[in-house]
Amino acid sequence: MTRTIQAQNNLAAGIQPADLRESLGADLLLKLALDAVQALEPSKLDAAVSGDSRIRPQMMLTLLSYCYAGRIYGSREIEWATRNDKTAHYICAREFPDSRAIRHFRRYNRELVEQCLTYVLRKGWVLQFDALEGLWATCAWLGAGLEQRVAIAAREKIEVAIIMDTAEND
């Protein structure tokens, strides 16, 4: 009940939870991250730069979308999660990127990461609204600007990841 009230307050204020694992659960967040990669144009995916032949761009995009939406930003944090978080571990399918590979991938594929993360955040919003009956009608003002809001949120999460990596290296 308290979770529903907090979600209603956040949505009414136009705020998405920082960690979508809390509101959606890890399994649903994983599904959204996988769907986001599938929604990309194949030509864009073919052009993705991995920097490590063992690491598939689809895996990295899924991993980064899942982690950023789940409030795991720093490349070292993500590297740790691939070995200690069961969902992040599952995403990697036995090819675990190190923090350097994660930073490299994000740097050279930022647009794709942003597209996938925007997809995840947008779907997360919709699922949260659907879960809270009647709130969608009371927050109709969000509908028109939703795409812009989630795109901004995605960019902000990527910026946080860059700042975290910069702080780790200082």
N, C-alpha and C. Protein backbone atom coordinates (compact mmCIF):
# COMPACT_ATOMS: atom_id res chain seq x y z
N MET A 1 0.82 -1.19 0.00
CA MET A 1 0.00 0.00 0.00
C MET A 1 0.87 1.26 0.00
N THR A 2 1.88 1.28 0.87
CA THR A 2 2.77 2.44 0.94
C THR A 2 3.50 2.63 -0.38
N ARG A 3 3.90 1.51 -1.00
CA ARG A 3 4.59 1.56 -2.28
C ARG A 3 3.70 2.19 -3.34
N THR A 4 2.42 1.84 -3.35
CA THR A 4 1.47 2.41 -4.31
C THR A 4 1.29 3.90 -4.09
N ILE A 5 1.18 4.32 -2.84
CA ILE A 5 1.03 5.74 -2.53
C ILE A 5 2.27 6.52 -2.97
N GLN A 6 3.46 5.98 -2.69
CA GLN A 6 4.70 6.64 -3.11
C GLN A 6 4.77 6.72 -4.62
N ALA A 7 4.40 5.64 -5.32
CA ALA A 7 4.41 5.65 -6.78
C ALA A 7 3.43 6.68 -7.32
N GLN A 8 2.24 6.78 -6.71
CA GLN A 8 1.27 7.78 -7.13
C GLN A 8 1.82 9.19 -6.95
N ASN A 9 2.45 9.45 -5.82
CA ASN A 9 3.04 10.76 -5.57
C ASN A 9 4.13 11.08 -6.58
N ASN A 10 5.01 10.11 -6.86
CA ASN A 10 6.09 10.31 -7.82
C ASN A 10 5.53 10.58 -9.21
N LEU A 11 4.57 9.79 -9.63
CA LEU A 11 4.02 9.95 -10.97
C LEU A 11 3.25 11.26 -11.11
N ALA A 12 2.53 11.63 -10.09
CA ALA A 12 1.79 12.89 -10.13
C ALA A 12 2.75 14.07 -10.24
N ALA A 13 3.93 13.93 -9.65
CA ALA A 13 4.93 14.99 -9.71
C ALA A 13 5.78 14.89 -10.97
N GLY A 14 5.57 13.84 -11.77
CA GLY A 14 6.36 13.67 -12.99
C GLY A 14 7.73 13.09 -12.70
N ILE A 15 7.88 12.37 -11.61
CA ILE A 15 9.17 11.82 -11.22
C ILE A 15 9.15 10.32 -11.42
N GLN A 16 10.16 9.82 -12.10
CA GLN A 16 10.30 8.38 -12.24
C GLN A 16 11.30 7.89 -11.20
N PRO A 17 11.04 6.74 -10.58
CA PRO A 17 11.99 6.25 -9.58
C PRO A 17 13.38 6.11 -10.17
N ALA A 18 14.40 6.39 -9.37
CA ALA A 18 15.77 6.29 -9.84
C ALA A 18 16.13 4.85 -10.15
N ASP A 19 15.57 3.89 -9.42
CA ASP A 19 15.86 2.47 -9.61
C ASP A 19 14.58 1.77 -10.00
N LEU A 20 14.45 1.46 -11.28
CA LEU A 20 13.24 0.81 -11.76
C LEU A 20 13.10 -0.62 -11.25
N ARG A 21 14.17 -1.20 -10.73
CA ARG A 21 14.05 -2.54 -10.14
C ARG A 21 13.11 -2.49 -8.95
N GLU A 22 13.08 -1.36 -8.24
CA GLU A 22 12.22 -1.23 -7.06
C GLU A 22 10.74 -1.21 -7.45
N SER A 23 10.41 -0.53 -8.54
CA SER A 23 9.01 -0.40 -8.90
C SER A 23 8.53 -1.49 -9.86
N LEU A 24 9.43 -1.98 -10.72
CA LEU A 24 9.02 -2.97 -11.71
C LEU A 24 9.50 -4.38 -11.39
N GLY A 25 10.59 -4.48 -10.66
CA GLY A 25 11.20 -5.77 -10.40
C GLY A 25 12.30 -6.05 -11.43
N ALA A 26 13.29 -6.83 -11.03
CA ALA A 26 14.44 -7.10 -11.89
C ALA A 26 14.04 -7.86 -13.16
N ASP A 27 13.12 -8.79 -13.05
CA ASP A 27 12.74 -9.59 -14.22
C ASP A 27 12.06 -8.75 -15.30
N LEU A 28 11.15 -7.89 -14.88
CA LEU A 28 10.47 -7.04 -15.85
C LEU A 28 11.43 -6.00 -16.44
N LEU A 29 12.31 -5.47 -15.61
CA LEU A 29 13.31 -4.52 -16.12
C LEU A 29 14.21 -5.21 -17.14
N LEU A 30 14.60 -6.44 -16.89
CA LEU A 30 15.40 -7.21 -17.86
C LEU A 30 14.64 -7.37 -19.17
N LYS A 31 13.37 -7.71 -19.08
CA LYS A 31 12.57 -7.88 -20.29
C LYS A 31 12.53 -6.58 -21.10
N LEU A 32 12.37 -5.46 -20.42
CA LEU A 32 12.34 -4.17 -21.11
C LEU A 32 13.67 -3.88 -21.79
N ALA A 33 14.77 -4.18 -21.10
CA ALA A 33 16.11 -3.96 -21.67
C ALA A 33 16.33 -4.84 -22.90
N LEU A 34 15.90 -6.08 -22.83
CA LEU A 34 16.01 -6.98 -23.99
C LEU A 34 15.14 -6.48 -25.14
N ASP A 35 13.92 -6.06 -24.84
CA ASP A 35 13.01 -5.53 -25.87
C ASP A 35 13.58 -4.27 -26.52
N ALA A 36 14.24 -3.44 -25.72
CA ALA A 36 14.82 -2.20 -26.24
C ALA A 36 15.85 -2.49 -27.32
N VAL A 37 16.69 -3.47 -27.09
CA VAL A 37 17.71 -3.84 -28.08
C VAL A 37 17.05 -4.41 -29.33
N GLN A 38 16.01 -5.22 -29.14
CA GLN A 38 15.30 -5.80 -30.29
C GLN A 38 14.60 -4.73 -31.12
N ALA A 39 14.25 -3.62 -30.51
CA ALA A 39 13.54 -2.54 -31.20
C ALA A 39 14.46 -1.68 -32.07
N LEU A 40 15.77 -1.83 -31.90
CA LEU A 40 16.72 -1.04 -32.69
C LEU A 40 16.72 -1.49 -34.15
N GLU A 41 17.03 -0.56 -35.02
CA GLU A 41 17.19 -0.91 -36.43
C GLU A 41 18.44 -1.79 -36.56
N PRO A 42 18.35 -2.91 -37.26
CA PRO A 42 19.50 -3.82 -37.40
C PRO A 42 20.75 -3.13 -37.95
N SER A 43 20.57 -2.17 -38.85
CA SER A 43 21.74 -1.48 -39.43
C SER A 43 22.51 -0.69 -38.37
N LYS A 44 21.77 -0.11 -37.41
CA LYS A 44 22.43 0.63 -36.32
C LYS A 44 23.18 -0.33 -35.41
N LEU A 45 22.60 -1.47 -35.18
CA LEU A 45 23.24 -2.47 -34.32
C LEU A 45 24.49 -3.03 -34.99
N ASP A 46 24.43 -3.21 -36.30
CA ASP A 46 25.59 -3.72 -37.04
C ASP A 46 26.75 -2.73 -36.99
N ALA A 47 26.44 -1.44 -36.88
CA ALA A 47 27.48 -0.40 -36.86
C ALA A 47 28.05 -0.16 -35.46
N ALA A 48 27.50 -0.81 -34.45
CA ALA A 48 27.97 -0.60 -33.07
C ALA A 48 29.41 -1.05 -32.92
N VAL A 49 30.18 -0.28 -32.14
CA VAL A 49 31.58 -0.56 -31.91
C VAL A 49 31.73 -1.16 -30.52
N SER A 50 32.30 -2.36 -30.46
CA SER A 50 32.42 -3.03 -29.17
C SER A 50 33.80 -2.84 -28.56
N GLY A 51 34.86 -2.86 -29.36
CA GLY A 51 36.21 -2.72 -28.81
C GLY A 51 36.76 -4.03 -28.30
N ASP A 52 35.94 -5.05 -28.20
CA ASP A 52 36.36 -6.37 -27.72
C ASP A 52 35.54 -7.39 -28.51
N SER A 53 36.20 -8.20 -29.29
CA SER A 53 35.50 -9.13 -30.18
C SER A 53 34.65 -10.15 -29.42
N ARG A 54 34.96 -10.40 -28.16
CA ARG A 54 34.18 -11.36 -27.37
C ARG A 54 32.82 -10.78 -26.96
N ILE A 55 32.73 -9.47 -26.94
CA ILE A 55 31.56 -8.80 -26.39
C ILE A 55 30.62 -8.36 -27.50
N ARG A 56 29.43 -8.91 -27.49
CA ARG A 56 28.43 -8.56 -28.49
C ARG A 56 27.76 -7.24 -28.11
N PRO A 57 27.54 -6.37 -29.09
CA PRO A 57 26.87 -5.10 -28.81
C PRO A 57 25.49 -5.28 -28.17
N GLN A 58 24.76 -6.32 -28.58
CA GLN A 58 23.43 -6.56 -28.01
C GLN A 58 23.53 -6.79 -26.50
N MET A 59 24.54 -7.54 -26.08
CA MET A 59 24.71 -7.81 -24.66
C MET A 59 25.05 -6.53 -23.91
N MET A 60 25.97 -5.74 -24.46
CA MET A 60 26.37 -4.50 -23.78
C MET A 60 25.21 -3.51 -23.69
N LEU A 61 24.42 -3.40 -24.75
CA LEU A 61 23.27 -2.49 -24.72
C LEU A 61 22.24 -2.95 -23.69
N THR A 62 22.01 -4.24 -23.62
CA THR A 62 21.08 -4.77 -22.62
C THR A 62 21.62 -4.52 -21.23
N LEU A 63 22.91 -4.80 -21.02
CA LEU A 63 23.54 -4.62 -19.71
C LEU A 63 23.48 -3.16 -19.26
N LEU A 64 23.88 -2.26 -20.14
CA LEU A 64 23.89 -0.84 -19.76
C LEU A 64 22.48 -0.31 -19.54
N SER A 65 21.53 -0.71 -20.36
CA SER A 65 20.15 -0.27 -20.17
C SER A 65 19.61 -0.76 -18.83
N TYR A 66 19.85 -2.03 -18.54
CA TYR A 66 19.40 -2.61 -17.27
C TYR A 66 20.07 -1.90 -16.08
N CYS A 67 21.38 -1.73 -16.15
CA CYS A 67 22.11 -1.13 -15.03
C CYS A 67 21.74 0.33 -14.83
N TYR A 68 21.73 1.12 -15.88
CA TYR A 68 21.42 2.54 -15.73
C TYR A 68 19.99 2.73 -15.22
N ALA A 69 19.05 1.95 -15.73
CA ALA A 69 17.67 2.05 -15.25
C ALA A 69 17.55 1.52 -13.82
N GLY A 70 18.50 0.69 -13.42
CA GLY A 70 18.51 0.14 -12.07
C GLY A 70 19.45 0.87 -11.13
N ARG A 71 19.87 2.06 -11.53
CA ARG A 71 20.69 2.94 -10.69
C ARG A 71 22.08 2.38 -10.40
N ILE A 72 22.63 1.69 -11.37
CA ILE A 72 24.01 1.22 -11.31
C ILE A 72 24.72 1.97 -12.43
N TYR A 73 25.57 2.93 -12.08
CA TYR A 73 26.11 3.83 -13.10
C TYR A 73 27.59 3.64 -13.41
N GLY A 74 28.43 3.60 -12.42
CA GLY A 74 29.87 3.53 -12.65
C GLY A 74 30.28 2.24 -13.34
N SER A 75 31.25 2.32 -14.22
CA SER A 75 31.71 1.14 -14.95
C SER A 75 32.25 0.07 -14.00
N ARG A 76 32.90 0.50 -12.95
CA ARG A 76 33.38 -0.49 -11.96
C ARG A 76 32.22 -1.13 -11.22
N GLU A 77 31.19 -0.34 -10.94
CA GLU A 77 29.98 -0.89 -10.31
C GLU A 77 29.31 -1.91 -11.23
N ILE A 78 29.26 -1.59 -12.50
CA ILE A 78 28.65 -2.50 -13.47
C ILE A 78 29.48 -3.77 -13.59
N GLU A 79 30.80 -3.61 -13.64
CA GLU A 79 31.67 -4.78 -13.69
C GLU A 79 31.43 -5.67 -12.47
N TRP A 80 31.32 -5.06 -11.29
CA TRP A 80 31.04 -5.81 -10.07
C TRP A 80 29.68 -6.51 -10.17
N ALA A 81 28.69 -5.80 -10.70
CA ALA A 81 27.34 -6.35 -10.82
C ALA A 81 27.31 -7.57 -11.74
N THR A 82 28.14 -7.58 -12.78
CA THR A 82 28.14 -8.72 -13.70
C THR A 82 28.55 -10.02 -13.01
N ARG A 83 29.23 -9.89 -11.90
CA ARG A 83 29.66 -11.07 -11.16
C ARG A 83 28.82 -11.33 -9.91
N ASN A 84 28.11 -10.32 -9.43
CA ASN A 84 27.41 -10.45 -8.15
C ASN A 84 25.90 -10.23 -8.19
N ASP A 85 25.39 -9.61 -9.21
CA ASP A 85 23.94 -9.42 -9.37
C ASP A 85 23.47 -10.49 -10.35
N LYS A 86 22.52 -11.31 -9.93
CA LYS A 86 22.14 -12.47 -10.75
C LYS A 86 21.61 -12.07 -12.12
N THR A 87 20.90 -10.95 -12.22
CA THR A 87 20.36 -10.54 -13.51
C THR A 87 21.45 -10.01 -14.42
N ALA A 88 22.34 -9.17 -13.90
CA ALA A 88 23.46 -8.66 -14.70
C ALA A 88 24.37 -9.81 -15.13
N HIS A 89 24.56 -10.77 -14.25
CA HIS A 89 25.37 -11.95 -14.56
C HIS A 89 24.72 -12.73 -15.71
N TYR A 90 23.42 -12.89 -15.65
CA TYR A 90 22.67 -13.59 -16.69
C TYR A 90 22.81 -12.88 -18.04
N ILE A 91 22.72 -11.57 -18.04
CA ILE A 91 22.81 -10.78 -19.28
C ILE A 91 24.14 -11.06 -19.99
N CYS A 92 25.20 -11.20 -19.22
CA CYS A 92 26.53 -11.33 -19.81
C CYS A 92 26.79 -12.67 -20.50
N ALA A 93 26.07 -13.69 -20.14
CA ALA A 93 26.20 -15.00 -20.80
C ALA A 93 27.66 -15.46 -20.89
N ARG A 94 28.35 -15.40 -19.80
CA ARG A 94 29.73 -15.89 -19.64
C ARG A 94 30.82 -15.04 -20.28
N GLU A 95 30.46 -13.89 -20.81
CA GLU A 95 31.47 -12.96 -21.35
C GLU A 95 31.36 -11.67 -20.54
N PHE A 96 32.17 -11.55 -19.51
CA PHE A 96 32.04 -10.44 -18.57
C PHE A 96 32.97 -9.29 -18.94
N PRO A 97 32.39 -8.15 -19.31
CA PRO A 97 33.23 -7.00 -19.68
C PRO A 97 33.85 -6.37 -18.44
N ASP A 98 35.06 -5.85 -18.62
CA ASP A 98 35.67 -5.11 -17.52
C ASP A 98 35.26 -3.64 -17.64
N SER A 99 35.64 -2.85 -16.64
CA SER A 99 35.20 -1.46 -16.61
C SER A 99 35.71 -0.68 -17.81
N ARG A 100 36.91 -0.99 -18.29
CA ARG A 100 37.45 -0.31 -19.45
C ARG A 100 36.61 -0.58 -20.69
N ALA A 101 36.20 -1.83 -20.89
CA ALA A 101 35.36 -2.20 -22.04
C ALA A 101 33.99 -1.52 -21.95
N ILE A 102 33.47 -1.40 -20.74
CA ILE A 102 32.17 -0.76 -20.54
C ILE A 102 32.25 0.72 -20.90
N ARG A 103 33.30 1.39 -20.41
CA ARG A 103 33.48 2.82 -20.74
C ARG A 103 33.65 3.01 -22.24
N HIS A 104 34.47 2.16 -22.87
CA HIS A 104 34.72 2.25 -24.30
C HIS A 104 33.42 2.09 -25.09
N PHE A 105 32.65 1.09 -24.72
CA PHE A 105 31.40 0.85 -25.43
C PHE A 105 30.45 2.05 -25.30
N ARG A 106 30.30 2.56 -24.09
CA ARG A 106 29.41 3.71 -23.88
C ARG A 106 29.89 4.92 -24.68
N ARG A 107 31.18 5.16 -24.67
CA ARG A 107 31.74 6.32 -25.37
C ARG A 107 31.45 6.26 -26.87
N TYR A 108 31.63 5.09 -27.48
CA TYR A 108 31.50 4.99 -28.93
C TYR A 108 30.10 4.61 -29.40
N ASN A 109 29.21 4.32 -28.47
CA ASN A 109 27.84 3.94 -28.84
C ASN A 109 26.81 4.67 -28.00
N ARG A 110 27.14 5.87 -27.61
CA ARG A 110 26.28 6.62 -26.70
C ARG A 110 24.86 6.79 -27.25
N GLU A 111 24.73 7.06 -28.54
CA GLU A 111 23.41 7.25 -29.13
C GLU A 111 22.56 5.98 -28.99
N LEU A 112 23.16 4.83 -29.23
CA LEU A 112 22.42 3.57 -29.10
C LEU A 112 22.05 3.30 -27.65
N VAL A 113 22.98 3.57 -26.73
CA VAL A 113 22.69 3.40 -25.32
C VAL A 113 21.53 4.30 -24.92
N GLU A 114 21.56 5.54 -25.39
CA GLU A 114 20.48 6.48 -25.07
C GLU A 114 19.14 6.02 -25.65
N GLN A 115 19.15 5.50 -26.87
CA GLN A 115 17.91 5.01 -27.47
C GLN A 115 17.33 3.85 -26.67
N CYS A 116 18.19 2.91 -26.28
CA CYS A 116 17.71 1.76 -25.51
C CYS A 116 17.21 2.20 -24.14
N LEU A 117 17.95 3.06 -23.49
CA LEU A 117 17.55 3.52 -22.16
C LEU A 117 16.25 4.32 -22.23
N THR A 118 16.09 5.14 -23.24
CA THR A 118 14.84 5.89 -23.42
C THR A 118 13.67 4.93 -23.58
N TYR A 119 13.87 3.89 -24.36
CA TYR A 119 12.82 2.87 -24.54
C TYR A 119 12.44 2.25 -23.19
N VAL A 120 13.45 1.85 -22.42
CA VAL A 120 13.20 1.23 -21.11
C VAL A 120 12.46 2.18 -20.18
N LEU A 121 12.90 3.43 -20.11
CA LEU A 121 12.25 4.40 -19.22
C LEU A 121 10.82 4.69 -19.66
N ARG A 122 10.60 4.82 -20.98
CA ARG A 122 9.25 5.09 -21.49
C ARG A 122 8.32 3.94 -21.13
N LYS A 123 8.75 2.72 -21.41
CA LYS A 123 7.92 1.55 -21.09
C LYS A 123 7.70 1.44 -19.58
N GLY A 124 8.73 1.78 -18.81
CA GLY A 124 8.60 1.76 -17.35
C GLY A 124 7.52 2.72 -16.88
N TRP A 125 7.49 3.92 -17.47
CA TRP A 125 6.45 4.89 -17.13
C TRP A 125 5.07 4.31 -17.42
N VAL A 126 4.91 3.78 -18.62
CA VAL A 126 3.61 3.26 -19.04
C VAL A 126 3.17 2.14 -18.11
N LEU A 127 4.07 1.23 -17.79
CA LEU A 127 3.71 0.12 -16.89
C LEU A 127 3.33 0.62 -15.51
N GLN A 128 4.02 1.64 -15.02
CA GLN A 128 3.67 2.18 -13.71
C GLN A 128 2.30 2.85 -13.74
N PHE A 129 2.01 3.57 -14.81
CA PHE A 129 0.69 4.21 -14.92
C PHE A 129 -0.40 3.16 -15.01
N ASP A 130 -0.16 2.11 -15.79
CA ASP A 130 -1.16 1.05 -15.92
C ASP A 130 -1.42 0.37 -14.58
N ALA A 131 -0.38 0.27 -13.76
CA ALA A 131 -0.52 -0.38 -12.46
C ALA A 131 -1.33 0.46 -11.48
N LEU A 132 -1.40 1.74 -11.72
CA LEU A 132 -2.12 2.65 -10.81
C LEU A 132 -3.38 3.14 -11.51
N GLU A 133 -4.43 2.40 -11.37
CA GLU A 133 -5.69 2.68 -12.06
C GLU A 133 -6.16 4.11 -11.81
N GLY A 134 -6.56 4.74 -12.89
CA GLY A 134 -7.14 6.07 -12.79
C GLY A 134 -6.12 7.20 -12.74
N LEU A 135 -4.89 6.92 -12.40
CA LEU A 135 -3.90 7.98 -12.29
C LEU A 135 -3.56 8.56 -13.65
N TRP A 136 -3.59 7.72 -14.67
CA TRP A 136 -3.26 8.18 -16.02
C TRP A 136 -4.15 9.35 -16.41
N ALA A 137 -5.45 9.26 -16.13
CA ALA A 137 -6.38 10.33 -16.48
C ALA A 137 -6.09 11.61 -15.71
N THR A 138 -5.69 11.46 -14.43
CA THR A 138 -5.43 12.65 -13.63
C THR A 138 -4.10 13.30 -13.99
N CYS A 139 -3.25 12.56 -14.68
CA CYS A 139 -1.93 13.10 -15.06
C CYS A 139 -1.81 13.22 -16.57
N ALA A 140 -2.89 13.58 -17.23
CA ALA A 140 -2.89 13.65 -18.68
C ALA A 140 -1.83 14.61 -19.21
N TRP A 141 -1.48 15.59 -18.40
CA TRP A 141 -0.46 16.56 -18.82
C TRP A 141 0.88 15.89 -19.10
N LEU A 142 1.10 14.72 -18.54
CA LEU A 142 2.36 14.00 -18.80
C LEU A 142 2.40 13.41 -20.19
N GLY A 143 1.22 13.04 -20.72
CA GLY A 143 1.15 12.32 -21.98
C GLY A 143 1.87 13.01 -23.12
N ALA A 144 1.61 14.29 -23.31
CA ALA A 144 2.20 15.01 -24.44
C ALA A 144 3.70 15.15 -24.31
N GLY A 145 4.19 15.35 -23.11
CA GLY A 145 5.62 15.56 -22.94
C GLY A 145 6.39 14.34 -22.48
N LEU A 146 5.74 13.19 -22.49
CA LEU A 146 6.37 11.98 -21.96
C LEU A 146 7.64 11.62 -22.72
N GLU A 147 7.58 11.64 -24.04
CA GLU A 147 8.75 11.26 -24.83
C GLU A 147 9.94 12.17 -24.52
N GLN A 148 9.67 13.46 -24.42
CA GLN A 148 10.73 14.41 -24.11
C GLN A 148 11.27 14.18 -22.70
N ARG A 149 10.39 13.90 -21.74
CA ARG A 149 10.82 13.67 -20.36
C ARG A 149 11.70 12.43 -20.24
N VAL A 150 11.33 11.35 -20.91
CA VAL A 150 12.13 10.13 -20.79
C VAL A 150 13.46 10.28 -21.54
N ALA A 151 13.47 11.01 -22.63
CA ALA A 151 14.73 11.24 -23.34
C ALA A 151 15.69 12.06 -22.46
N ILE A 152 15.17 13.04 -21.78
CA ILE A 152 15.99 13.84 -20.86
C ILE A 152 16.48 12.98 -19.71
N ALA A 153 15.60 12.16 -19.15
CA ALA A 153 15.99 11.27 -18.06
C ALA A 153 17.08 10.30 -18.50
N ALA A 154 16.97 9.77 -19.71
CA ALA A 154 17.99 8.85 -20.24
C ALA A 154 19.34 9.57 -20.36
N ARG A 155 19.32 10.78 -20.93
CA ARG A 155 20.58 11.54 -21.06
C ARG A 155 21.18 11.83 -19.69
N GLU A 156 20.34 12.17 -18.72
CA GLU A 156 20.84 12.48 -17.37
C GLU A 156 21.49 11.24 -16.74
N LYS A 157 20.89 10.07 -16.93
CA LYS A 157 21.47 8.85 -16.36
C LYS A 157 22.83 8.55 -17.00
N ILE A 158 22.95 8.76 -18.29
CA ILE A 158 24.23 8.54 -18.97
C ILE A 158 25.26 9.54 -18.47
N GLU A 159 24.85 10.79 -18.27
CA GLU A 159 25.76 11.80 -17.72
C GLU A 159 26.24 11.41 -16.32
N VAL A 160 25.34 10.88 -15.51
CA VAL A 160 25.74 10.42 -14.17
C VAL A 160 26.79 9.32 -14.30
N ALA A 161 26.59 8.40 -15.25
CA ALA A 161 27.57 7.33 -15.46
C ALA A 161 28.93 7.90 -15.84
N ILE A 162 28.95 8.89 -16.70
CA ILE A 162 30.21 9.51 -17.12
C ILE A 162 30.88 10.19 -15.94
N ILE A 163 30.10 10.91 -15.14
CA ILE A 163 30.64 11.59 -13.96
C ILE A 163 31.20 10.57 -12.98
N MET A 164 30.48 9.47 -12.77
CA MET A 164 30.95 8.43 -11.85
C MET A 164 32.29 7.86 -12.34
N ASP A 165 32.40 7.61 -13.62
CA ASP A 165 33.65 7.07 -14.16
C ASP A 165 34.78 8.08 -14.05
N THR A 166 34.49 9.34 -14.28
CA THR A 166 35.50 10.38 -14.13
C THR A 166 35.98 10.45 -12.70
N ALA A 167 35.07 10.37 -11.75
CA ALA A 167 35.44 10.41 -10.33
C ALA A 167 36.27 9.20 -9.94
N GLU A 168 35.94 8.02 -10.50
CA GLU A 168 36.71 6.81 -10.21
C GLU A 168 38.14 6.91 -10.69
N ASN A 169 38.35 7.63 -11.78
CA ASN A 169 39.68 7.71 -12.38
C ASN A 169 40.53 8.84 -11.82
N ASP A 170 39.93 9.73 -11.05
CA ASP A 170 40.69 10.85 -10.47
C ASP A 170 41.45 10.42 -9.22
